[in-house]
Protein backbone atom coordinates (compact mmCIF):
# COMPACT_ATOMS: atom_id res chain seq x y z
CA MET A 1 164.58 201.93 105.34
CA SER A 2 161.18 203.47 106.12
CA GLU A 3 160.00 202.11 102.83
CA HIS A 4 161.05 198.59 103.86
CA LYS A 5 159.31 199.03 107.19
CA GLU A 6 156.08 200.07 105.54
CA HIS A 7 156.26 197.04 103.30
CA ASN A 8 156.62 194.72 106.31
CA MET A 9 153.66 196.33 108.03
CA LEU A 10 151.58 195.84 104.90
CA ASP A 11 152.52 192.17 104.79
CA SER A 12 151.58 191.78 108.45
CA LYS A 13 148.17 193.32 107.84
CA LYS A 14 147.59 191.01 104.90
CA PHE A 15 148.55 188.02 107.04
CA ILE A 16 146.19 189.08 109.82
CA VAL A 17 143.36 189.56 107.32
CA ALA A 18 144.04 186.15 105.78
CA VAL A 19 144.07 184.46 109.17
CA SER A 20 140.86 186.23 110.12
CA VAL A 21 139.17 185.08 106.92
CA VAL A 22 140.27 181.50 107.51
CA ALA A 23 139.03 181.65 111.10
CA ILE A 24 135.67 183.04 109.99
CA VAL A 25 135.32 180.37 107.31
CA PHE A 26 136.23 177.67 109.85
CA VAL A 27 133.70 178.90 112.40
CA CYS A 28 131.03 179.22 109.73
CA GLY A 29 131.82 175.71 108.56
CA ILE A 30 131.38 174.33 112.06
CA TRP A 31 128.09 176.21 112.48
CA LEU A 32 126.87 175.05 109.09
CA GLY A 33 127.85 171.47 109.97
CA PHE A 34 125.80 171.62 113.16
CA VAL A 35 122.83 173.04 111.30
CA LEU A 36 122.99 170.42 108.55
CA ASN A 37 123.52 167.64 111.05
CA ASP A 38 120.53 168.78 113.09
CA ASN A 39 118.44 168.88 109.94
CA LYS A 40 119.66 165.41 108.99
CA ILE A 41 118.82 164.01 112.42
CA ALA A 42 115.41 165.63 112.26
CA THR A 43 114.89 164.17 108.81
CA GLU A 44 115.99 160.68 109.90
CA ARG A 45 113.71 160.60 112.93
CA LYS A 46 110.91 158.18 112.28
CA LEU A 47 108.00 156.54 114.00
CA SER A 48 108.19 152.77 114.56
CA ILE A 49 104.93 150.89 115.01
CA ASN A 50 104.71 147.28 116.23
CA GLN A 51 101.57 145.41 115.26
CA GLU A 52 100.19 141.88 115.05
CA VAL A 53 97.79 140.45 112.48
CA GLU A 54 96.18 137.02 112.26
CA VAL A 55 94.61 134.94 109.51
CA ARG A 56 92.62 131.72 109.62
CA SER A 57 92.17 128.95 107.13
CA LYS A 58 90.68 125.47 106.98
CA ALA A 59 92.14 122.17 105.84
CA GLU A 60 90.27 118.94 105.30
CA PRO A 61 92.00 115.54 105.43
CA ASP A 62 92.67 114.21 101.95
CA THR A 63 94.76 111.17 102.80
CA PHE A 64 93.81 107.92 104.52
CA LYS A 65 96.19 105.64 106.38
CA ALA A 66 95.63 102.04 107.36
CA LYS A 67 97.53 98.96 108.46
CA ILE A 68 96.96 95.42 107.30
CA ARG A 69 98.21 93.22 110.11
CA ILE A 70 98.24 89.46 109.80
CA GLN A 71 98.78 87.51 113.00
CA GLY A 72 98.77 83.98 114.31
CA SER A 73 95.43 82.36 115.08
CA ASN A 74 94.49 80.59 118.29
CA THR A 75 95.19 77.33 116.46
CA LEU A 76 98.81 78.37 115.93
CA ARG A 77 99.12 79.53 119.50
CA ALA A 78 97.95 76.17 120.78
CA LEU A 79 100.66 74.24 118.92
CA SER A 80 103.64 73.19 121.00
CA LYS A 81 105.68 72.54 117.85
CA LEU A 82 105.43 73.16 114.12
CA ASN A 83 106.01 70.46 111.55
CA ASP A 84 107.54 71.15 108.16
CA GLU A 85 104.19 71.28 106.40
CA GLN A 86 102.83 73.88 108.82
CA SER A 87 105.97 76.00 108.56
CA GLU A 88 105.83 75.83 104.78
CA SER A 89 102.16 76.86 104.77
CA LEU A 90 102.98 79.97 106.79
CA VAL A 91 105.79 80.97 104.42
CA GLN A 92 103.63 80.36 101.37
CA THR A 93 100.84 82.58 102.71
CA PHE A 94 103.24 85.35 103.68
CA ASN A 95 104.90 85.26 100.25
CA ALA A 96 101.52 85.35 98.50
CA VAL A 97 100.57 88.44 100.50
CA SER A 98 103.96 90.04 99.73
CA ARG A 99 103.28 89.59 96.02
CA LEU A 100 99.92 91.33 96.43
CA ILE A 101 101.62 94.24 98.22
CA LYS A 102 104.23 94.52 95.49
CA ALA A 103 101.46 94.67 92.88
CA ASN A 104 99.83 97.52 94.84
CA LYS A 105 102.98 99.44 95.78
CA GLU A 106 101.35 102.76 94.87
CA ILE A 107 99.17 102.51 97.98
CA CYS A 108 100.89 100.00 100.31
CA SER A 109 104.37 99.02 101.44
CA GLY A 110 106.07 96.70 103.88
CA GLY A 111 105.24 93.03 104.20
CA SER A 112 107.99 91.81 106.50
CA TYR A 113 106.94 88.70 108.37
CA GLY A 114 108.06 86.13 110.91
CA TYR A 115 106.96 83.36 113.23
CA SER A 116 108.49 82.04 116.45
CA PRO A 117 107.75 80.17 119.68
CA GLU A 118 105.77 82.11 122.25
CA VAL A 119 105.47 81.65 125.98
CA TYR A 120 102.16 82.74 127.49
CA TYR A 121 100.03 82.10 130.55
CA GLU A 122 96.49 80.83 130.56
CA ARG A 123 94.61 80.41 133.85
CA ASN A 124 97.90 80.77 135.69
CA ARG A 125 99.44 77.96 133.70
CA ARG A 126 102.58 78.44 131.64
CA LYS A 127 102.16 77.39 128.04
CA VAL A 128 104.34 77.36 124.95
CA GLY A 129 102.88 77.95 121.52
CA PHE A 130 103.70 79.89 118.38
CA SER A 131 103.06 83.41 117.16
CA ALA A 132 103.27 84.90 113.66
CA TYR A 133 103.00 88.33 112.12
CA GLN A 134 103.05 90.25 108.86
CA GLU A 135 102.41 93.97 108.69
CA ILE A 136 101.64 96.25 105.77
CA VAL A 137 101.27 100.03 105.86
CA CYS A 138 98.93 101.74 103.39
CA SER A 139 98.34 105.36 102.44
CA PHE A 140 95.82 106.39 99.80
CA GLY A 141 93.43 109.08 98.65
CA SER A 142 89.67 108.76 98.49
CA GLU A 143 89.90 108.03 94.77
CA GLN A 144 92.00 104.94 95.61
CA LYS A 145 89.51 103.48 98.07
CA SER A 146 88.42 100.73 95.68
CA ALA A 147 92.05 99.70 95.11
CA TYR A 148 92.61 99.40 98.87
CA GLU A 149 89.36 97.51 99.33
CA LYS A 150 90.27 95.09 96.54
CA LEU A 151 93.71 94.52 98.06
CA LEU A 152 92.28 93.94 101.53
CA LYS A 153 89.87 91.34 100.20
CA ALA A 154 92.64 89.59 98.26
CA VAL A 155 94.78 89.45 101.41
CA GLY A 156 91.77 88.12 103.28
CA VAL A 157 91.36 85.33 100.77
CA GLU A 158 95.01 84.27 101.12
CA VAL A 159 94.92 84.39 104.91
CA GLY A 160 91.54 82.66 104.99
CA ARG A 161 93.08 79.60 103.36
CA ASN A 162 95.46 79.14 106.28
CA ALA A 163 93.98 78.03 109.60
CA LEU A 164 97.15 79.13 111.38
CA LEU A 165 96.63 82.81 110.53
CA THR A 166 93.99 85.46 111.03
CA LEU A 167 93.42 89.02 109.82
CA PRO A 168 92.13 91.46 112.44
CA ILE A 169 90.74 94.56 110.79
CA LEU A 170 92.26 97.83 111.99
CA PRO A 171 90.61 101.24 111.65
CA ILE A 172 91.42 103.62 108.83
CA GLN A 173 92.63 107.09 109.77
CA ALA A 174 91.96 110.27 107.84
CA ILE A 175 94.85 112.70 108.22
CA ILE A 176 95.90 116.17 107.21
CA THR A 177 99.33 115.62 105.72
CA PRO A 178 102.38 117.83 106.38
CA GLU A 179 102.30 118.72 102.67
CA GLN A 180 98.76 120.06 103.07
CA ILE A 181 99.76 122.12 106.09
CA ASP A 182 102.85 123.50 104.31
CA LYS A 183 100.72 124.58 101.36
CA SER A 184 98.08 126.21 103.59
CA THR A 185 100.77 127.89 105.71
CA GLN A 186 102.41 129.44 102.66
CA GLU A 187 99.04 130.71 101.42
CA MET A 188 98.35 132.24 104.85
CA ARG A 189 101.78 133.90 104.91
CA THR A 190 101.01 135.53 101.57
CA GLU A 191 97.69 136.73 102.96
CA LEU A 192 99.41 138.10 106.08
CA LEU A 193 101.88 140.06 103.95
CA LYS A 194 99.03 141.60 102.00
CA LYS A 195 97.30 142.54 105.26
CA ALA A 196 100.49 144.08 106.64
CA GLN A 197 100.96 146.12 103.47
CA GLY A 198 97.37 147.32 103.78
CA VAL A 199 98.01 148.41 107.37
CA ALA A 200 101.14 150.33 106.27
CA LYS A 201 99.10 152.18 103.65
CA GLN A 202 96.48 153.09 106.27
CA TYR A 203 99.15 154.57 108.53
CA SER A 204 100.65 156.49 105.58
CA LYS A 205 97.28 158.06 104.92
CA ALA A 206 96.48 158.80 108.57
CA LEU A 207 99.91 160.24 109.44
CA LYS A 208 100.62 161.82 106.04
CA GLN A 209 104.00 160.10 106.07
CA ASN A 210 105.75 157.38 104.12
CA CYS A 211 105.14 154.15 106.03
CA ASN A 212 106.71 150.81 105.08
CA ILE A 213 107.11 147.34 106.56
CA GLU A 214 110.58 147.00 108.07
CA ASP A 215 110.39 143.56 109.65
CA ILE A 216 107.93 140.69 109.93
CA SER A 217 107.97 137.36 111.79
CA PHE A 218 105.40 134.58 111.47
CA GLN A 219 104.05 132.59 114.38
CA GLU A 220 102.10 129.38 113.92
CA VAL A 221 99.37 128.88 116.50
CA GLY A 222 99.44 125.22 117.54
CA ASN A 223 98.03 123.61 114.43
CA THR A 224 100.95 122.18 112.49
CA LYS A 225 100.67 118.52 113.43
CA PRO A 226 98.62 116.27 111.18
CA GLN A 227 95.33 115.34 112.79
CA ALA A 228 94.17 111.71 112.70
CA ARG A 229 90.57 110.55 112.75
CA ASN A 230 89.57 106.92 112.94
CA GLY A 231 87.23 105.46 110.39
CA VAL A 232 84.56 102.84 110.93
CA MET A 233 85.36 99.54 109.26
CA ALA A 234 82.80 97.20 107.80
CA MET A 235 84.21 94.42 109.99
CA SER A 236 84.83 94.27 113.71
CA ALA A 237 88.34 93.86 115.08
CA GLU A 238 87.62 90.19 115.81
CA THR A 239 86.25 89.34 112.37
CA PRO A 240 88.45 86.69 110.70
CA SER A 241 89.61 87.23 107.17
CA SER A 242 87.54 84.39 105.78
CA LYS A 243 84.36 86.29 106.63
CA VAL A 244 84.99 89.62 104.96
CA ALA A 245 81.75 91.57 104.80
CA PRO A 246 80.49 92.13 101.24
CA ASN A 247 80.14 95.88 101.74
CA GLY A 248 83.89 96.06 102.40
CA VAL A 249 85.52 99.16 103.81
CA SER A 250 83.96 102.48 104.76
CA LEU A 251 86.20 105.52 104.89
CA PRO A 252 86.00 107.79 107.93
CA THR A 253 83.95 110.95 107.69
CA THR A 254 86.36 113.84 107.33
CA LYS A 255 86.08 117.15 109.12
CA GLU A 256 87.72 120.47 108.35
CA GLU A 257 90.42 121.53 110.78
CA ASP A 258 91.09 125.17 111.68
CA LEU A 259 94.55 126.51 110.86
CA VAL A 260 95.72 129.78 112.40
CA LEU A 261 98.78 131.87 111.56
CA SER A 262 99.77 135.22 113.06
CA ALA A 263 102.55 137.67 112.28
CA ASN A 264 104.32 140.39 114.27
CA PHE A 265 105.59 143.20 112.08
CA ILE A 266 107.23 146.59 112.43
CA ILE A 267 106.18 149.58 110.33
CA GLY A 268 108.51 152.56 110.03
CA CYS A 269 107.02 155.96 109.15
CA MET A 270 109.01 159.02 108.00
CA ALA A 271 108.04 162.50 106.91
CA LYS A 272 107.53 162.87 103.17
């Protein structure tokens, strides 16, 4: 019996030792977890730097826009009614101009036309006459100037044959196209990224840490709309088409426009 009792006591001691070992291991595990977690937090702590950079570029207009607008003459306006011959002459002229536009579709489009009675007042007296219109929109590069000039003169010849029509000369505009701005903007974004990367390298060297770009946002600075500049024409706005000046059209003098793009970016730095 004493032998059995001693055996039970031995088992109890073993159990207590085992429990103690487990408890020690558990406590050590918790302590080790805290230590490792603290080290991990310390390792993950990083410095965040917000910064802004800016780049500038220039863009010069490379596209010219103009309208060719045919309208009724004072003779047409003074008519109280149109006979068949006069109506036919208007249609013939408009169709002839439309054919010219179709032959020059690489630089001009449009050509819709119409004519109708018009009520107007002259010296406080109500009058009824006729109005007419045909409008063409043109867009061309400097290398296509001669093509536009040739077309304008041809239209002038057709209109000049019809006493019921006239061709006021409208100014040419030089514009920076959206395509130009998109191209310049993309180039400036690339330059901004290179600048931001350079700044990150400077911080890495100064802080002796690993610094990288974490986020970047671009901000355009009020220059994304195409700018229009009027050109000086060889003819005044009142010059009829039948008197086209021999020196033709002069394109407007272009001027470079400033384009500005900035970027806000975040650099994160961590110990090596």
